[in-house]
Amino acid sequence: MLIGEAVRIALDQDKCITRNSFGWGHAKIKPTTNENDCLFLVLTHHENKRIPRWNPTANDLMSDNWAVVE
């Protein structure tokens, strides 16, 4: 699905988004509606490492393979 649709669903269901180039389930983005940045979460050794900023590429923004995940 497109990123806009994935973000709408993720916000509605309090979930995250990812795409297969991130390695499904290993990295995900938690969209927010506040002035802070989206959180980029990377699963390392069964812990989520929070990275405060995500800088999407044009390819990320145009991709149609986004998915909503826990």
C-alpha atoms as a PDB file:
ATOM      1  CA  MET A   1       0.000   0.000   0.000  1.00  0.00           C
ATOM      2  CA  LEU A   2       1.081   3.613  -0.387  1.00  0.00           C
ATOM      3  CA  ILE A   3       2.690   5.376   2.580  1.00  0.00           C
ATOM      4  CA  GLY A   4      -0.261   7.745   3.096  1.00  0.00           C
ATOM      5  CA  GLU A   5      -2.722   4.888   3.456  1.00  0.00           C
ATOM      6  CA  ALA A   6      -0.351   2.974   5.756  1.00  0.00           C
ATOM      7  CA  VAL A   7       0.123   6.043   7.982  1.00  0.00           C
ATOM      8  CA  ARG A   8      -3.645   6.642   8.251  1.00  0.00           C
ATOM      9  CA  ILE A   9      -4.233   3.031   9.322  1.00  0.00           C
ATOM     10  CA  ALA A  10      -1.262   3.027  11.713  1.00  0.00           C
ATOM     11  CA  LEU A  11      -2.441   6.218  13.415  1.00  0.00           C
ATOM     12  CA  ASP A  12      -5.994   4.885  13.709  1.00  0.00           C
ATOM     13  CA  GLN A  13      -4.824   1.561  15.194  1.00  0.00           C
ATOM     14  CA  ASP A  14      -1.792   2.901  17.150  1.00  0.00           C
ATOM     15  CA  LYS A  15       0.605   0.744  15.127  1.00  0.00           C
ATOM     16  CA  CYS A  16       3.768   1.183  13.068  1.00  0.00           C
ATOM     17  CA  ILE A  17       4.602   1.003   9.378  1.00  0.00           C
ATOM     18  CA  THR A  18       7.399  -0.771   7.538  1.00  0.00           C
ATOM     19  CA  ARG A  19       8.382  -1.879   4.064  1.00  0.00           C
ATOM     20  CA  ASN A  20      10.175  -4.956   2.836  1.00  0.00           C
ATOM     21  CA  SER A  21      13.441  -3.117   2.097  1.00  0.00           C
ATOM     22  CA  PHE A  22      13.690  -2.453   5.848  1.00  0.00           C
ATOM     23  CA  GLY A  23      13.585  -6.222   6.498  1.00  0.00           C
ATOM     24  CA  TRP A  24      10.008  -6.953   7.630  1.00  0.00           C
ATOM     25  CA  GLY A  25       9.752  -6.657  11.389  1.00  0.00           C
ATOM     26  CA  HIS A  26      13.361  -5.543  11.921  1.00  0.00           C
ATOM     27  CA  ALA A  27      12.804  -1.822  11.390  1.00  0.00           C
ATOM     28  CA  LYS A  28       9.602   0.142  11.609  1.00  0.00           C
ATOM     29  CA  ILE A  29       8.330   3.693  11.846  1.00  0.00           C
ATOM     30  CA  LYS A  30       5.910   4.946  14.484  1.00  0.00           C
ATOM     31  CA  PRO A  31       3.967   7.854  12.927  1.00  0.00           C
ATOM     32  CA  THR A  32       3.051  10.700  15.273  1.00  0.00           C
ATOM     33  CA  THR A  33       0.658  13.641  15.012  1.00  0.00           C
ATOM     34  CA  ASN A  34       2.643  15.973  17.254  1.00  0.00           C
ATOM     35  CA  GLU A  35       5.456  18.352  16.328  1.00  0.00           C
ATOM     36  CA  ASN A  36       8.106  15.749  17.134  1.00  0.00           C
ATOM     37  CA  ASP A  37       9.560  13.520  14.458  1.00  0.00           C
ATOM     38  CA  CYS A  38       8.303  10.065  13.631  1.00  0.00           C
ATOM     39  CA  LEU A  39      10.176   7.419  15.583  1.00  0.00           C
ATOM     40  CA  PHE A  40      12.296   4.975  13.621  1.00  0.00           C
ATOM     41  CA  LEU A  41      12.506   1.744  15.621  1.00  0.00           C
ATOM     42  CA  VAL A  42      15.104  -0.932  14.915  1.00  0.00           C
ATOM     43  CA  LEU A  43      14.820  -4.334  16.574  1.00  0.00           C
ATOM     44  CA  THR A  44      18.225  -5.376  17.931  1.00  0.00           C
ATOM     45  CA  HIS A  45      18.649  -8.329  20.274  1.00  0.00           C
ATOM     46  CA  HIS A  46      14.904  -8.360  21.080  1.00  0.00           C
ATOM     47  CA  GLU A  47      14.864  -4.664  22.038  1.00  0.00           C
ATOM     48  CA  ASN A  48      13.579  -1.686  20.097  1.00  0.00           C
ATOM     49  CA  LYS A  49      16.300   0.903  19.565  1.00  0.00           C
ATOM     50  CA  ARG A  50      14.701   4.308  19.047  1.00  0.00           C
ATOM     51  CA  ILE A  51      16.228   6.569  16.449  1.00  0.00           C
ATOM     52  CA  PRO A  52      14.722  10.066  16.745  1.00  0.00           C
ATOM     53  CA  ARG A  53      14.701  11.012  13.071  1.00  0.00           C
ATOM     54  CA  TRP A  54      13.828   9.286   9.844  1.00  0.00           C
ATOM     55  CA  ASN A  55      14.985  10.755   6.558  1.00  0.00           C
ATOM     56  CA  PRO A  56      12.961   9.056   3.811  1.00  0.00           C
ATOM     57  CA  THR A  57      14.294   8.765   0.311  1.00  0.00           C
ATOM     58  CA  ALA A  58      12.173   9.595  -2.731  1.00  0.00           C
ATOM     59  CA  ASN A  59      11.949   5.838  -3.298  1.00  0.00           C
ATOM     60  CA  ASP A  60      10.525   5.386   0.229  1.00  0.00           C
ATOM     61  CA  LEU A  61       7.880   8.034  -0.396  1.00  0.00           C
ATOM     62  CA  MET A  62       6.850   6.674  -3.813  1.00  0.00           C
ATOM     63  CA  SER A  63       6.878   2.980  -2.849  1.00  0.00           C
ATOM     64  CA  ASP A  64       3.656   0.987  -2.863  1.00  0.00           C
ATOM     65  CA  ASN A  65       4.898  -1.809  -0.588  1.00  0.00           C
ATOM     66  CA  TRP A  66       4.265  -0.269   2.828  1.00  0.00           C
ATOM     67  CA  ALA A  67       2.640  -2.431   5.505  1.00  0.00           C
ATOM     68  CA  VAL A  68       1.120  -1.793   8.929  1.00  0.00           C
ATOM     69  CA  VAL A  69       2.711  -3.785  11.786  1.00  0.00           C
ATOM     70  CA  GLU A  70       2.597  -3.966  15.583  1.00  0.00           C
END
